[in-house]
């Protein structure tokens, strides 16, 4: 029986409707869209998740979204969605206060930052000192940081150079970092960082699918050196749950590695019963 946790799901709820993902992203180009998207209904998404064996999902915010929607989503669907708030380094006081309100003293589970993305006021490398107060806050309070580090939409490709992430991991050795998009396209180099730095994890999501160049690097790592460090993700609505799970299952992963990638590694980070 398939059992999975999705590390990158943006459900049809709240202000995601106005986000780039739903207005201009890959979902808009699909000839046939999931019923959950066309009817803007989370219940239909839950049906798709159940069919795929996805028991829960991490839901990351993006710049400008309202964290109250994450709270509402969690309240409506307990133990199904685990919200991570977005922190803007150019509104540092608000970012630190939001971490206090919504994570340390609130119901949400982690923090998202996307420092290299083009839509930030001033894109920057992950080791930029302006980010340090958020890193320190998360480290001190054992908060997981989901750092978009890889994939598309970077202002400069160099911002995804794993050297920057390695510096952060050395400066903040107890900061648990999950790299959204898994450092792609620097696949070999990001494996080196995750292998050496205890608290660095990779969630390649769509970049571990067999449609992407470099995907076998993640497969080899998951089978051997990074069995406990790689997490499954659909990047929903980019891929629907059934499609993404089936594609991961088609990979040449050992049975043990597949279980860790699909479920065990994310469950451990989120504190879900294993």
C-alpha atoms as a PDB file:
ATOM      1  CA  UNK A   1       0.000   0.000   0.000  1.00  0.00           C
ATOM      2  CA  UNK A   2       1.423   3.365  -1.034  1.00  0.00           C
ATOM      3  CA  UNK A   3       2.055   5.890   1.709  1.00  0.00           C
ATOM      4  CA  UNK A   4       3.416   9.348   0.896  1.00  0.00           C
ATOM      5  CA  UNK A   5       3.823  12.884   2.223  1.00  0.00           C
ATOM      6  CA  UNK A   6       3.921  15.663  -0.351  1.00  0.00           C
ATOM      7  CA  UNK A   7       6.582  18.264   0.495  1.00  0.00           C
ATOM      8  CA  UNK A   8       5.371  20.916  -1.963  1.00  0.00           C
ATOM      9  CA  UNK A   9       1.625  21.303  -2.434  1.00  0.00           C
ATOM     10  CA  UNK A  10      -0.279  24.514  -3.053  1.00  0.00           C
ATOM     11  CA  UNK A  11      -3.972  23.558  -2.717  1.00  0.00           C
ATOM     12  CA  UNK A  12      -6.955  25.327  -4.302  1.00  0.00           C
ATOM     13  CA  UNK A  13      -7.671  27.450  -1.248  1.00  0.00           C
ATOM     14  CA  UNK A  14      -7.525  31.057  -0.128  1.00  0.00           C
ATOM     15  CA  UNK A  15      -5.234  33.483  -1.908  1.00  0.00           C
ATOM     16  CA  UNK A  16      -3.423  30.779  -3.859  1.00  0.00           C
ATOM     17  CA  UNK A  17      -6.119  31.506  -6.450  1.00  0.00           C
ATOM     18  CA  UNK A  18      -4.423  34.823  -7.268  1.00  0.00           C
ATOM     19  CA  UNK A  19      -0.916  33.358  -7.255  1.00  0.00           C
ATOM     20  CA  UNK A  20       1.328  32.939 -10.295  1.00  0.00           C
ATOM     21  CA  UNK A  21       0.912  29.167 -10.053  1.00  0.00           C
ATOM     22  CA  UNK A  22      -2.779  29.334 -10.851  1.00  0.00           C
ATOM     23  CA  UNK A  23      -2.863  32.406 -13.086  1.00  0.00           C
ATOM     24  CA  UNK A  24       0.220  31.988 -15.276  1.00  0.00           C
ATOM     25  CA  UNK A  25       2.013  28.802 -14.206  1.00  0.00           C
ATOM     26  CA  UNK A  26       2.150  25.360 -15.773  1.00  0.00           C
ATOM     27  CA  UNK A  27      -1.393  24.480 -14.678  1.00  0.00           C
ATOM     28  CA  UNK A  28      -2.783  27.095 -17.092  1.00  0.00           C
ATOM     29  CA  UNK A  29      -1.160  25.263 -20.016  1.00  0.00           C
ATOM     30  CA  UNK A  30      -2.720  21.883 -19.267  1.00  0.00           C
ATOM     31  CA  UNK A  31      -5.448  20.779 -21.656  1.00  0.00           C
ATOM     32  CA  UNK A  32      -7.175  18.819 -18.886  1.00  0.00           C
ATOM     33  CA  UNK A  33      -7.022  20.325 -15.413  1.00  0.00           C
ATOM     34  CA  UNK A  34      -7.798  18.458 -12.176  1.00  0.00           C
ATOM     35  CA  UNK A  35     -11.377  18.862 -10.975  1.00  0.00           C
ATOM     36  CA  UNK A  36     -10.035  20.320  -7.717  1.00  0.00           C
ATOM     37  CA  UNK A  37      -8.530  23.184  -9.713  1.00  0.00           C
ATOM     38  CA  UNK A  38     -11.391  23.851 -12.106  1.00  0.00           C
ATOM     39  CA  UNK A  39     -13.941  23.824  -9.286  1.00  0.00           C
ATOM     40  CA  UNK A  40     -11.589  25.326  -6.663  1.00  0.00           C
ATOM     41  CA  UNK A  41     -12.424  22.635  -4.143  1.00  0.00           C
ATOM     42  CA  UNK A  42     -10.022  21.132  -1.598  1.00  0.00           C
ATOM     43  CA  UNK A  43     -12.293  18.138  -1.018  1.00  0.00           C
ATOM     44  CA  UNK A  44     -11.665  16.992  -4.586  1.00  0.00           C
ATOM     45  CA  UNK A  45      -7.938  17.376  -3.979  1.00  0.00           C
ATOM     46  CA  UNK A  46      -8.239  15.187  -0.890  1.00  0.00           C
ATOM     47  CA  UNK A  47      -9.903  12.521  -3.014  1.00  0.00           C
ATOM     48  CA  UNK A  48      -6.961  12.651  -5.423  1.00  0.00           C
ATOM     49  CA  UNK A  49      -4.520  12.496  -2.501  1.00  0.00           C
ATOM     50  CA  UNK A  50      -6.279   9.458  -1.038  1.00  0.00           C
ATOM     51  CA  UNK A  51      -6.214   7.699  -4.386  1.00  0.00           C
ATOM     52  CA  UNK A  52      -2.486   8.378  -4.687  1.00  0.00           C
ATOM     53  CA  UNK A  53      -1.729   7.355  -1.090  1.00  0.00           C
ATOM     54  CA  UNK A  54      -0.670  10.858  -0.024  1.00  0.00           C
ATOM     55  CA  UNK A  55      -1.608  11.149   3.642  1.00  0.00           C
ATOM     56  CA  UNK A  56      -0.431  14.719   4.233  1.00  0.00           C
ATOM     57  CA  UNK A  57       1.217  17.689   2.535  1.00  0.00           C
ATOM     58  CA  UNK A  58       3.515  20.574   3.373  1.00  0.00           C
ATOM     59  CA  UNK A  59       1.948  23.799   2.078  1.00  0.00           C
ATOM     60  CA  UNK A  60       4.452  26.622   1.525  1.00  0.00           C
ATOM     61  CA  UNK A  61       3.418  30.235   1.169  1.00  0.00           C
ATOM     62  CA  UNK A  62       4.828  32.629  -1.375  1.00  0.00           C
ATOM     63  CA  UNK A  63       5.637  36.330  -1.045  1.00  0.00           C
ATOM     64  CA  UNK A  64       2.538  38.454  -0.372  1.00  0.00           C
ATOM     65  CA  UNK A  65       0.224  35.645   0.710  1.00  0.00           C
ATOM     66  CA  UNK A  66      -1.751  35.832   3.950  1.00  0.00           C
ATOM     67  CA  UNK A  67      -0.729  33.283   6.616  1.00  0.00           C
ATOM     68  CA  UNK A  68      -4.249  33.322   8.024  1.00  0.00           C
ATOM     69  CA  UNK A  69      -5.297  31.174   5.068  1.00  0.00           C
ATOM     70  CA  UNK A  70      -2.772  28.533   6.142  1.00  0.00           C
ATOM     71  CA  UNK A  71      -4.285  28.565   9.623  1.00  0.00           C
ATOM     72  CA  UNK A  72      -7.800  28.208   8.180  1.00  0.00           C
ATOM     73  CA  UNK A  73      -6.677  25.351   5.936  1.00  0.00           C
ATOM     74  CA  UNK A  74      -5.146  23.445   8.844  1.00  0.00           C
ATOM     75  CA  UNK A  75      -8.216  23.998  10.999  1.00  0.00           C
ATOM     76  CA  UNK A  76     -10.545  22.745   8.270  1.00  0.00           C
ATOM     77  CA  UNK A  77      -8.401  19.698   7.450  1.00  0.00           C
ATOM     78  CA  UNK A  78      -6.511  18.606  10.588  1.00  0.00           C
ATOM     79  CA  UNK A  79      -3.363  16.512  10.045  1.00  0.00           C
ATOM     80  CA  UNK A  80      -3.656  16.868   6.282  1.00  0.00           C
ATOM     81  CA  UNK A  81      -1.860  20.159   5.636  1.00  0.00           C
ATOM     82  CA  UNK A  82       1.246  21.504   7.377  1.00  0.00           C
ATOM     83  CA  UNK A  83       1.661  25.217   6.737  1.00  0.00           C
ATOM     84  CA  UNK A  84       4.975  27.043   6.316  1.00  0.00           C
ATOM     85  CA  UNK A  85       4.877  30.858   6.326  1.00  0.00           C
ATOM     86  CA  UNK A  86       6.884  32.963   3.894  1.00  0.00           C
ATOM     87  CA  UNK A  87       9.360  35.439   5.411  1.00  0.00           C
ATOM     88  CA  UNK A  88      10.461  38.535   3.506  1.00  0.00           C
ATOM     89  CA  UNK A  89      13.953  39.719   4.555  1.00  0.00           C
ATOM     90  CA  UNK A  90      13.017  43.259   3.502  1.00  0.00           C
ATOM     91  CA  UNK A  91      10.334  43.301   6.178  1.00  0.00           C
ATOM     92  CA  UNK A  92      12.481  41.792   8.893  1.00  0.00           C
ATOM     93  CA  UNK A  93      10.498  42.992  11.899  1.00  0.00           C
ATOM     94  CA  UNK A  94       7.294  41.576  10.438  1.00  0.00           C
ATOM     95  CA  UNK A  95       9.051  38.345   9.447  1.00  0.00           C
ATOM     96  CA  UNK A  96      10.357  37.735  12.963  1.00  0.00           C
ATOM     97  CA  UNK A  97       7.018  38.666  14.509  1.00  0.00           C
ATOM     98  CA  UNK A  98       5.202  36.309  12.124  1.00  0.00           C
ATOM     99  CA  UNK A  99       7.489  33.468  13.179  1.00  0.00           C
ATOM    100  CA  UNK A 100       6.588  34.195  16.804  1.00  0.00           C
ATOM    101  CA  UNK A 101       2.861  34.499  16.131  1.00  0.00           C
ATOM    102  CA  UNK A 102       2.282  31.731  13.633  1.00  0.00           C
ATOM    103  CA  UNK A 103       4.963  29.144  14.364  1.00  0.00           C
ATOM    104  CA  UNK A 104       6.459  29.459  17.869  1.00  0.00           C
ATOM    105  CA  UNK A 105       3.164  30.447  19.525  1.00  0.00           C
ATOM    106  CA  UNK A 106       0.841  29.383  16.710  1.00  0.00           C
ATOM    107  CA  UNK A 107      -0.273  26.328  14.761  1.00  0.00           C
ATOM    108  CA  UNK A 108       2.023  26.466  11.717  1.00  0.00           C
ATOM    109  CA  UNK A 109       5.039  24.226  11.249  1.00  0.00           C
ATOM    110  CA  UNK A 110       7.845  26.073   9.533  1.00  0.00           C
ATOM    111  CA  UNK A 111       9.248  28.949   7.508  1.00  0.00           C
ATOM    112  CA  UNK A 112       9.743  29.464   3.766  1.00  0.00           C
ATOM    113  CA  UNK A 113      12.289  31.751   2.141  1.00  0.00           C
ATOM    114  CA  UNK A 114      13.048  32.236  -1.549  1.00  0.00           C
ATOM    115  CA  UNK A 115      16.018  34.632  -1.594  1.00  0.00           C
ATOM    116  CA  UNK A 116      17.167  33.988  -5.160  1.00  0.00           C
ATOM    117  CA  UNK A 117      13.768  34.260  -6.827  1.00  0.00           C
ATOM    118  CA  UNK A 118      13.161  37.072  -9.302  1.00  0.00           C
ATOM    119  CA  UNK A 119      10.034  38.385  -7.552  1.00  0.00           C
ATOM    120  CA  UNK A 120      11.863  39.348  -4.345  1.00  0.00           C
ATOM    121  CA  UNK A 121      12.500  43.079  -4.000  1.00  0.00           C
ATOM    122  CA  UNK A 122      16.221  42.409  -4.383  1.00  0.00           C
ATOM    123  CA  UNK A 123      17.174  38.785  -5.095  1.00  0.00           C
ATOM    124  CA  UNK A 124      20.223  37.573  -3.219  1.00  0.00           C
ATOM    125  CA  UNK A 125      22.390  34.565  -2.502  1.00  0.00           C
ATOM    126  CA  UNK A 126      21.439  32.263   0.372  1.00  0.00           C
ATOM    127  CA  UNK A 127      24.466  33.345   2.422  1.00  0.00           C
ATOM    128  CA  UNK A 128      23.562  37.054   2.320  1.00  0.00           C
ATOM    129  CA  UNK A 129      23.910  38.476   5.839  1.00  0.00           C
ATOM    130  CA  UNK A 130      20.509  40.150   5.578  1.00  0.00           C
ATOM    131  CA  UNK A 131      18.980  36.692   5.960  1.00  0.00           C
ATOM    132  CA  UNK A 132      20.863  35.804   9.123  1.00  0.00           C
ATOM    133  CA  UNK A 133      18.268  36.998  11.691  1.00  0.00           C
ATOM    134  CA  UNK A 134      15.708  34.597  10.212  1.00  0.00           C
ATOM    135  CA  UNK A 135      18.241  31.753  10.105  1.00  0.00           C
ATOM    136  CA  UNK A 136      19.163  32.403  13.725  1.00  0.00           C
ATOM    137  CA  UNK A 137      15.516  32.590  14.832  1.00  0.00           C
ATOM    138  CA  UNK A 138      14.736  29.258  13.184  1.00  0.00           C
ATOM    139  CA  UNK A 139      17.861  27.610  14.568  1.00  0.00           C
ATOM    140  CA  UNK A 140      17.224  28.778  18.131  1.00  0.00           C
ATOM    141  CA  UNK A 141      13.640  27.535  18.068  1.00  0.00           C
ATOM    142  CA  UNK A 142      14.191  24.271  16.156  1.00  0.00           C
ATOM    143  CA  UNK A 143      12.031  25.474  13.260  1.00  0.00           C
ATOM    144  CA  UNK A 144      12.382  23.823   9.862  1.00  0.00           C
ATOM    145  CA  UNK A 145      13.307  26.228   7.067  1.00  0.00           C
ATOM    146  CA  UNK A 146      12.146  25.367   3.564  1.00  0.00           C
ATOM    147  CA  UNK A 147      14.529  27.239   1.297  1.00  0.00           C
ATOM    148  CA  UNK A 148      13.654  27.445  -2.379  1.00  0.00           C
ATOM    149  CA  UNK A 149      17.048  26.543  -3.777  1.00  0.00           C
ATOM    150  CA  UNK A 150      16.937  25.244  -7.330  1.00  0.00           C
ATOM    151  CA  UNK A 151      14.588  25.084 -10.262  1.00  0.00           C
ATOM    152  CA  UNK A 152      13.305  28.003 -12.308  1.00  0.00           C
ATOM    153  CA  UNK A 153      12.517  31.663 -11.593  1.00  0.00           C
ATOM    154  CA  UNK A 154      15.953  32.508 -10.203  1.00  0.00           C
ATOM    155  CA  UNK A 155      17.153  36.031 -10.898  1.00  0.00           C
ATOM    156  CA  UNK A 156      20.631  34.602 -11.615  1.00  0.00           C
ATOM    157  CA  UNK A 157      21.584  30.963 -11.961  1.00  0.00           C
ATOM    158  CA  UNK A 158      24.548  31.551  -9.647  1.00  0.00           C
ATOM    159  CA  UNK A 159      22.138  32.093  -6.737  1.00  0.00           C
ATOM    160  CA  UNK A 160      21.562  28.334  -6.759  1.00  0.00           C
ATOM    161  CA  UNK A 161      25.263  27.545  -6.449  1.00  0.00           C
ATOM    162  CA  UNK A 162      25.460  25.040  -3.562  1.00  0.00           C
ATOM    163  CA  UNK A 163      28.542  26.814  -2.223  1.00  0.00           C
ATOM    164  CA  UNK A 164      26.205  29.455  -0.783  1.00  0.00           C
ATOM    165  CA  UNK A 165      24.096  26.871   0.977  1.00  0.00           C
ATOM    166  CA  UNK A 166      27.161  25.116   2.335  1.00  0.00           C
ATOM    167  CA  UNK A 167      28.267  28.397   3.942  1.00  0.00           C
ATOM    168  CA  UNK A 168      24.865  28.775   5.609  1.00  0.00           C
ATOM    169  CA  UNK A 169      25.004  25.196   6.919  1.00  0.00           C
ATOM    170  CA  UNK A 170      28.448  25.851   8.395  1.00  0.00           C
ATOM    171  CA  UNK A 171      27.397  29.130  10.024  1.00  0.00           C
ATOM    172  CA  UNK A 172      24.125  27.670  11.367  1.00  0.00           C
ATOM    173  CA  UNK A 173      24.931  23.994  11.993  1.00  0.00           C
ATOM    174  CA  UNK A 174      21.707  23.292  13.916  1.00  0.00           C
ATOM    175  CA  UNK A 175      19.403  24.910  11.369  1.00  0.00           C
ATOM    176  CA  UNK A 176      17.289  22.250   9.631  1.00  0.00           C
ATOM    177  CA  UNK A 177      17.048  23.220   5.961  1.00  0.00           C
ATOM    178  CA  UNK A 178      14.970  21.508   3.298  1.00  0.00           C
ATOM    179  CA  UNK A 179      15.984  22.616  -0.203  1.00  0.00           C
ATOM    180  CA  UNK A 180      12.866  23.004  -2.304  1.00  0.00           C
ATOM    181  CA  UNK A 181      13.562  21.948  -5.914  1.00  0.00           C
ATOM    182  CA  UNK A 182      16.610  20.089  -4.619  1.00  0.00           C
ATOM    183  CA  UNK A 183      19.354  22.418  -5.831  1.00  0.00           C
ATOM    184  CA  UNK A 184      18.649  21.625  -9.483  1.00  0.00           C
ATOM    185  CA  UNK A 185      20.514  21.929 -11.844  1.00  0.00           C
ATOM    186  CA  UNK A 186      23.575  21.675  -9.556  1.00  0.00           C
ATOM    187  CA  UNK A 187      22.661  18.091  -8.760  1.00  0.00           C
ATOM    188  CA  UNK A 188      26.047  16.528  -7.977  1.00  0.00           C
ATOM    189  CA  UNK A 189      27.250  19.522  -5.983  1.00  0.00           C
ATOM    190  CA  UNK A 190      24.081  19.746  -3.858  1.00  0.00           C
ATOM    191  CA  UNK A 191      24.458  16.040  -2.981  1.00  0.00           C
ATOM    192  CA  UNK A 192      27.876  16.866  -1.566  1.00  0.00           C
ATOM    193  CA  UNK A 193      26.347  19.520   0.711  1.00  0.00           C
ATOM    194  CA  UNK A 194      23.534  17.243   1.912  1.00  0.00           C
ATOM    195  CA  UNK A 195      25.988  14.401   2.502  1.00  0.00           C
ATOM    196  CA  UNK A 196      28.373  16.533   4.564  1.00  0.00           C
ATOM    197  CA  UNK A 197      25.924  18.748   6.462  1.00  0.00           C
ATOM    198  CA  UNK A 198      23.709  16.856   8.889  1.00  0.00           C
ATOM    199  CA  UNK A 199      20.761  19.266   8.825  1.00  0.00           C
ATOM    200  CA  UNK A 200      20.482  19.769   5.065  1.00  0.00           C
ATOM    201  CA  UNK A 201      17.739  17.852   3.214  1.00  0.00           C
ATOM    202  CA  UNK A 202      16.648  17.866  -0.435  1.00  0.00           C
ATOM    203  CA  UNK A 203      13.149  17.950  -1.891  1.00  0.00           C
ATOM    204  CA  UNK A 204      13.684  17.773  -5.662  1.00  0.00           C
ATOM    205  CA  UNK A 205       9.928  17.358  -6.318  1.00  0.00           C
ATOM    206  CA  UNK A 206       9.455  17.629 -10.115  1.00  0.00           C
ATOM    207  CA  UNK A 207      13.213  17.558 -10.774  1.00  0.00           C
ATOM    208  CA  UNK A 208      13.384  13.945  -9.636  1.00  0.00           C
ATOM    209  CA  UNK A 209      10.864  12.917 -12.273  1.00  0.00           C
ATOM    210  CA  UNK A 210      12.195  10.960 -15.276  1.00  0.00           C
ATOM    211  CA  UNK A 211      11.240  13.842 -17.566  1.00  0.00           C
ATOM    212  CA  UNK A 212      14.037  16.017 -16.129  1.00  0.00           C
ATOM    213  CA  UNK A 213      17.761  15.929 -16.980  1.00  0.00           C
ATOM    214  CA  UNK A 214      19.823  15.026 -13.934  1.00  0.00           C
ATOM    215  CA  UNK A 215      17.039  13.102 -12.192  1.00  0.00           C
ATOM    216  CA  UNK A 216      19.158   9.949 -11.867  1.00  0.00           C
ATOM    217  CA  UNK A 217      21.559  11.788  -9.562  1.00  0.00           C
ATOM    218  CA  UNK A 218      18.762  11.971  -6.983  1.00  0.00           C
ATOM    219  CA  UNK A 219      17.886   8.317  -7.562  1.00  0.00           C
ATOM    220  CA  UNK A 220      21.457   7.123  -7.003  1.00  0.00           C
ATOM    221  CA  UNK A 221      21.775   9.301  -3.900  1.00  0.00           C
ATOM    222  CA  UNK A 222      18.470   8.031  -2.474  1.00  0.00           C
ATOM    223  CA  UNK A 223      19.531   4.417  -3.013  1.00  0.00           C
ATOM    224  CA  UNK A 224      22.853   4.891  -1.269  1.00  0.00           C
ATOM    225  CA  UNK A 225      24.362   7.899   0.534  1.00  0.00           C
ATOM    226  CA  UNK A 226      21.264  10.088   0.991  1.00  0.00           C
ATOM    227  CA  UNK A 227      18.517   7.579   1.775  1.00  0.00           C
ATOM    228  CA  UNK A 228      17.453   9.676   4.798  1.00  0.00           C
ATOM    229  CA  UNK A 229      17.796  13.064   3.123  1.00  0.00           C
ATOM    230  CA  UNK A 230      15.523  13.175   0.050  1.00  0.00           C
ATOM    231  CA  UNK A 231      11.797  14.037   0.149  1.00  0.00           C
ATOM    232  CA  UNK A 232       9.004  13.523  -2.376  1.00  0.00           C
ATOM    233  CA  UNK A 233       6.963  16.442  -3.709  1.00  0.00           C
ATOM    234  CA  UNK A 234       4.406  17.062  -6.446  1.00  0.00           C
ATOM    235  CA  UNK A 235       4.786  20.869  -6.722  1.00  0.00           C
ATOM    236  CA  UNK A 236       0.975  20.753  -7.052  1.00  0.00           C
ATOM    237  CA  UNK A 237      -0.737  22.068  -9.128  1.00  0.00           C
ATOM    238  CA  UNK A 238       2.206  21.427 -11.488  1.00  0.00           C
ATOM    239  CA  UNK A 239       1.573  17.664 -11.183  1.00  0.00           C
ATOM    240  CA  UNK A 240      -1.485  15.927  -9.812  1.00  0.00           C
ATOM    241  CA  UNK A 241      -0.986  13.473  -6.924  1.00  0.00           C
ATOM    242  CA  UNK A 242      -1.604  10.237  -8.831  1.00  0.00           C
ATOM    243  CA  UNK A 243       0.679  11.259 -11.680  1.00  0.00           C
ATOM    244  CA  UNK A 244       3.586  12.311  -9.448  1.00  0.00           C
ATOM    245  CA  UNK A 245       3.431   9.253  -7.170  1.00  0.00           C
ATOM    246  CA  UNK A 246       3.284   6.900 -10.155  1.00  0.00           C
ATOM    247  CA  UNK A 247       6.312   8.581 -11.723  1.00  0.00           C
ATOM    248  CA  UNK A 248       8.323   8.276  -8.504  1.00  0.00           C
ATOM    249  CA  UNK A 249       7.317   4.622  -8.257  1.00  0.00           C
ATOM    250  CA  UNK A 250       8.620   4.094 -11.801  1.00  0.00           C
ATOM    251  CA  UNK A 251      12.108   5.195 -10.766  1.00  0.00           C
ATOM    252  CA  UNK A 252      14.766   2.510 -10.137  1.00  0.00           C
ATOM    253  CA  UNK A 253      14.624   3.029  -6.372  1.00  0.00           C
ATOM    254  CA  UNK A 254      14.999   0.188  -3.908  1.00  0.00           C
ATOM    255  CA  UNK A 255      11.887  -0.598  -1.882  1.00  0.00           C
ATOM    256  CA  UNK A 256      13.539   0.826   1.238  1.00  0.00           C
ATOM    257  CA  UNK A 257      14.671   3.997  -0.531  1.00  0.00           C
ATOM    258  CA  UNK A 258      11.223   4.582  -2.047  1.00  0.00           C
ATOM    259  CA  UNK A 259       9.575   4.341   1.381  1.00  0.00           C
ATOM    260  CA  UNK A 260      12.050   6.834   2.815  1.00  0.00           C
ATOM    261  CA  UNK A 261      11.640   9.265  -0.066  1.00  0.00           C
ATOM    262  CA  UNK A 262       7.856   9.051  -0.255  1.00  0.00           C
ATOM    263  CA  UNK A 263       7.113   9.029   3.454  1.00  0.00           C
ATOM    264  CA  UNK A 264       9.681   8.382   6.179  1.00  0.00           C
ATOM    265  CA  UNK A 265      11.944  11.395   5.724  1.00  0.00           C
ATOM    266  CA  UNK A 266       9.166  13.966   5.639  1.00  0.00           C
ATOM    267  CA  UNK A 267       7.318  12.248   8.499  1.00  0.00           C
ATOM    268  CA  UNK A 268      10.401  12.543  10.688  1.00  0.00           C
ATOM    269  CA  UNK A 269      10.813  16.260   9.975  1.00  0.00           C
ATOM    270  CA  UNK A 270       7.110  17.025  10.564  1.00  0.00           C
ATOM    271  CA  UNK A 271       6.851  14.799  13.633  1.00  0.00           C
ATOM    272  CA  UNK A 272       4.241  12.526  12.062  1.00  0.00           C
ATOM    273  CA  UNK A 273       3.910   8.992  13.409  1.00  0.00           C
ATOM    274  CA  UNK A 274       6.050   6.585  11.390  1.00  0.00           C
END
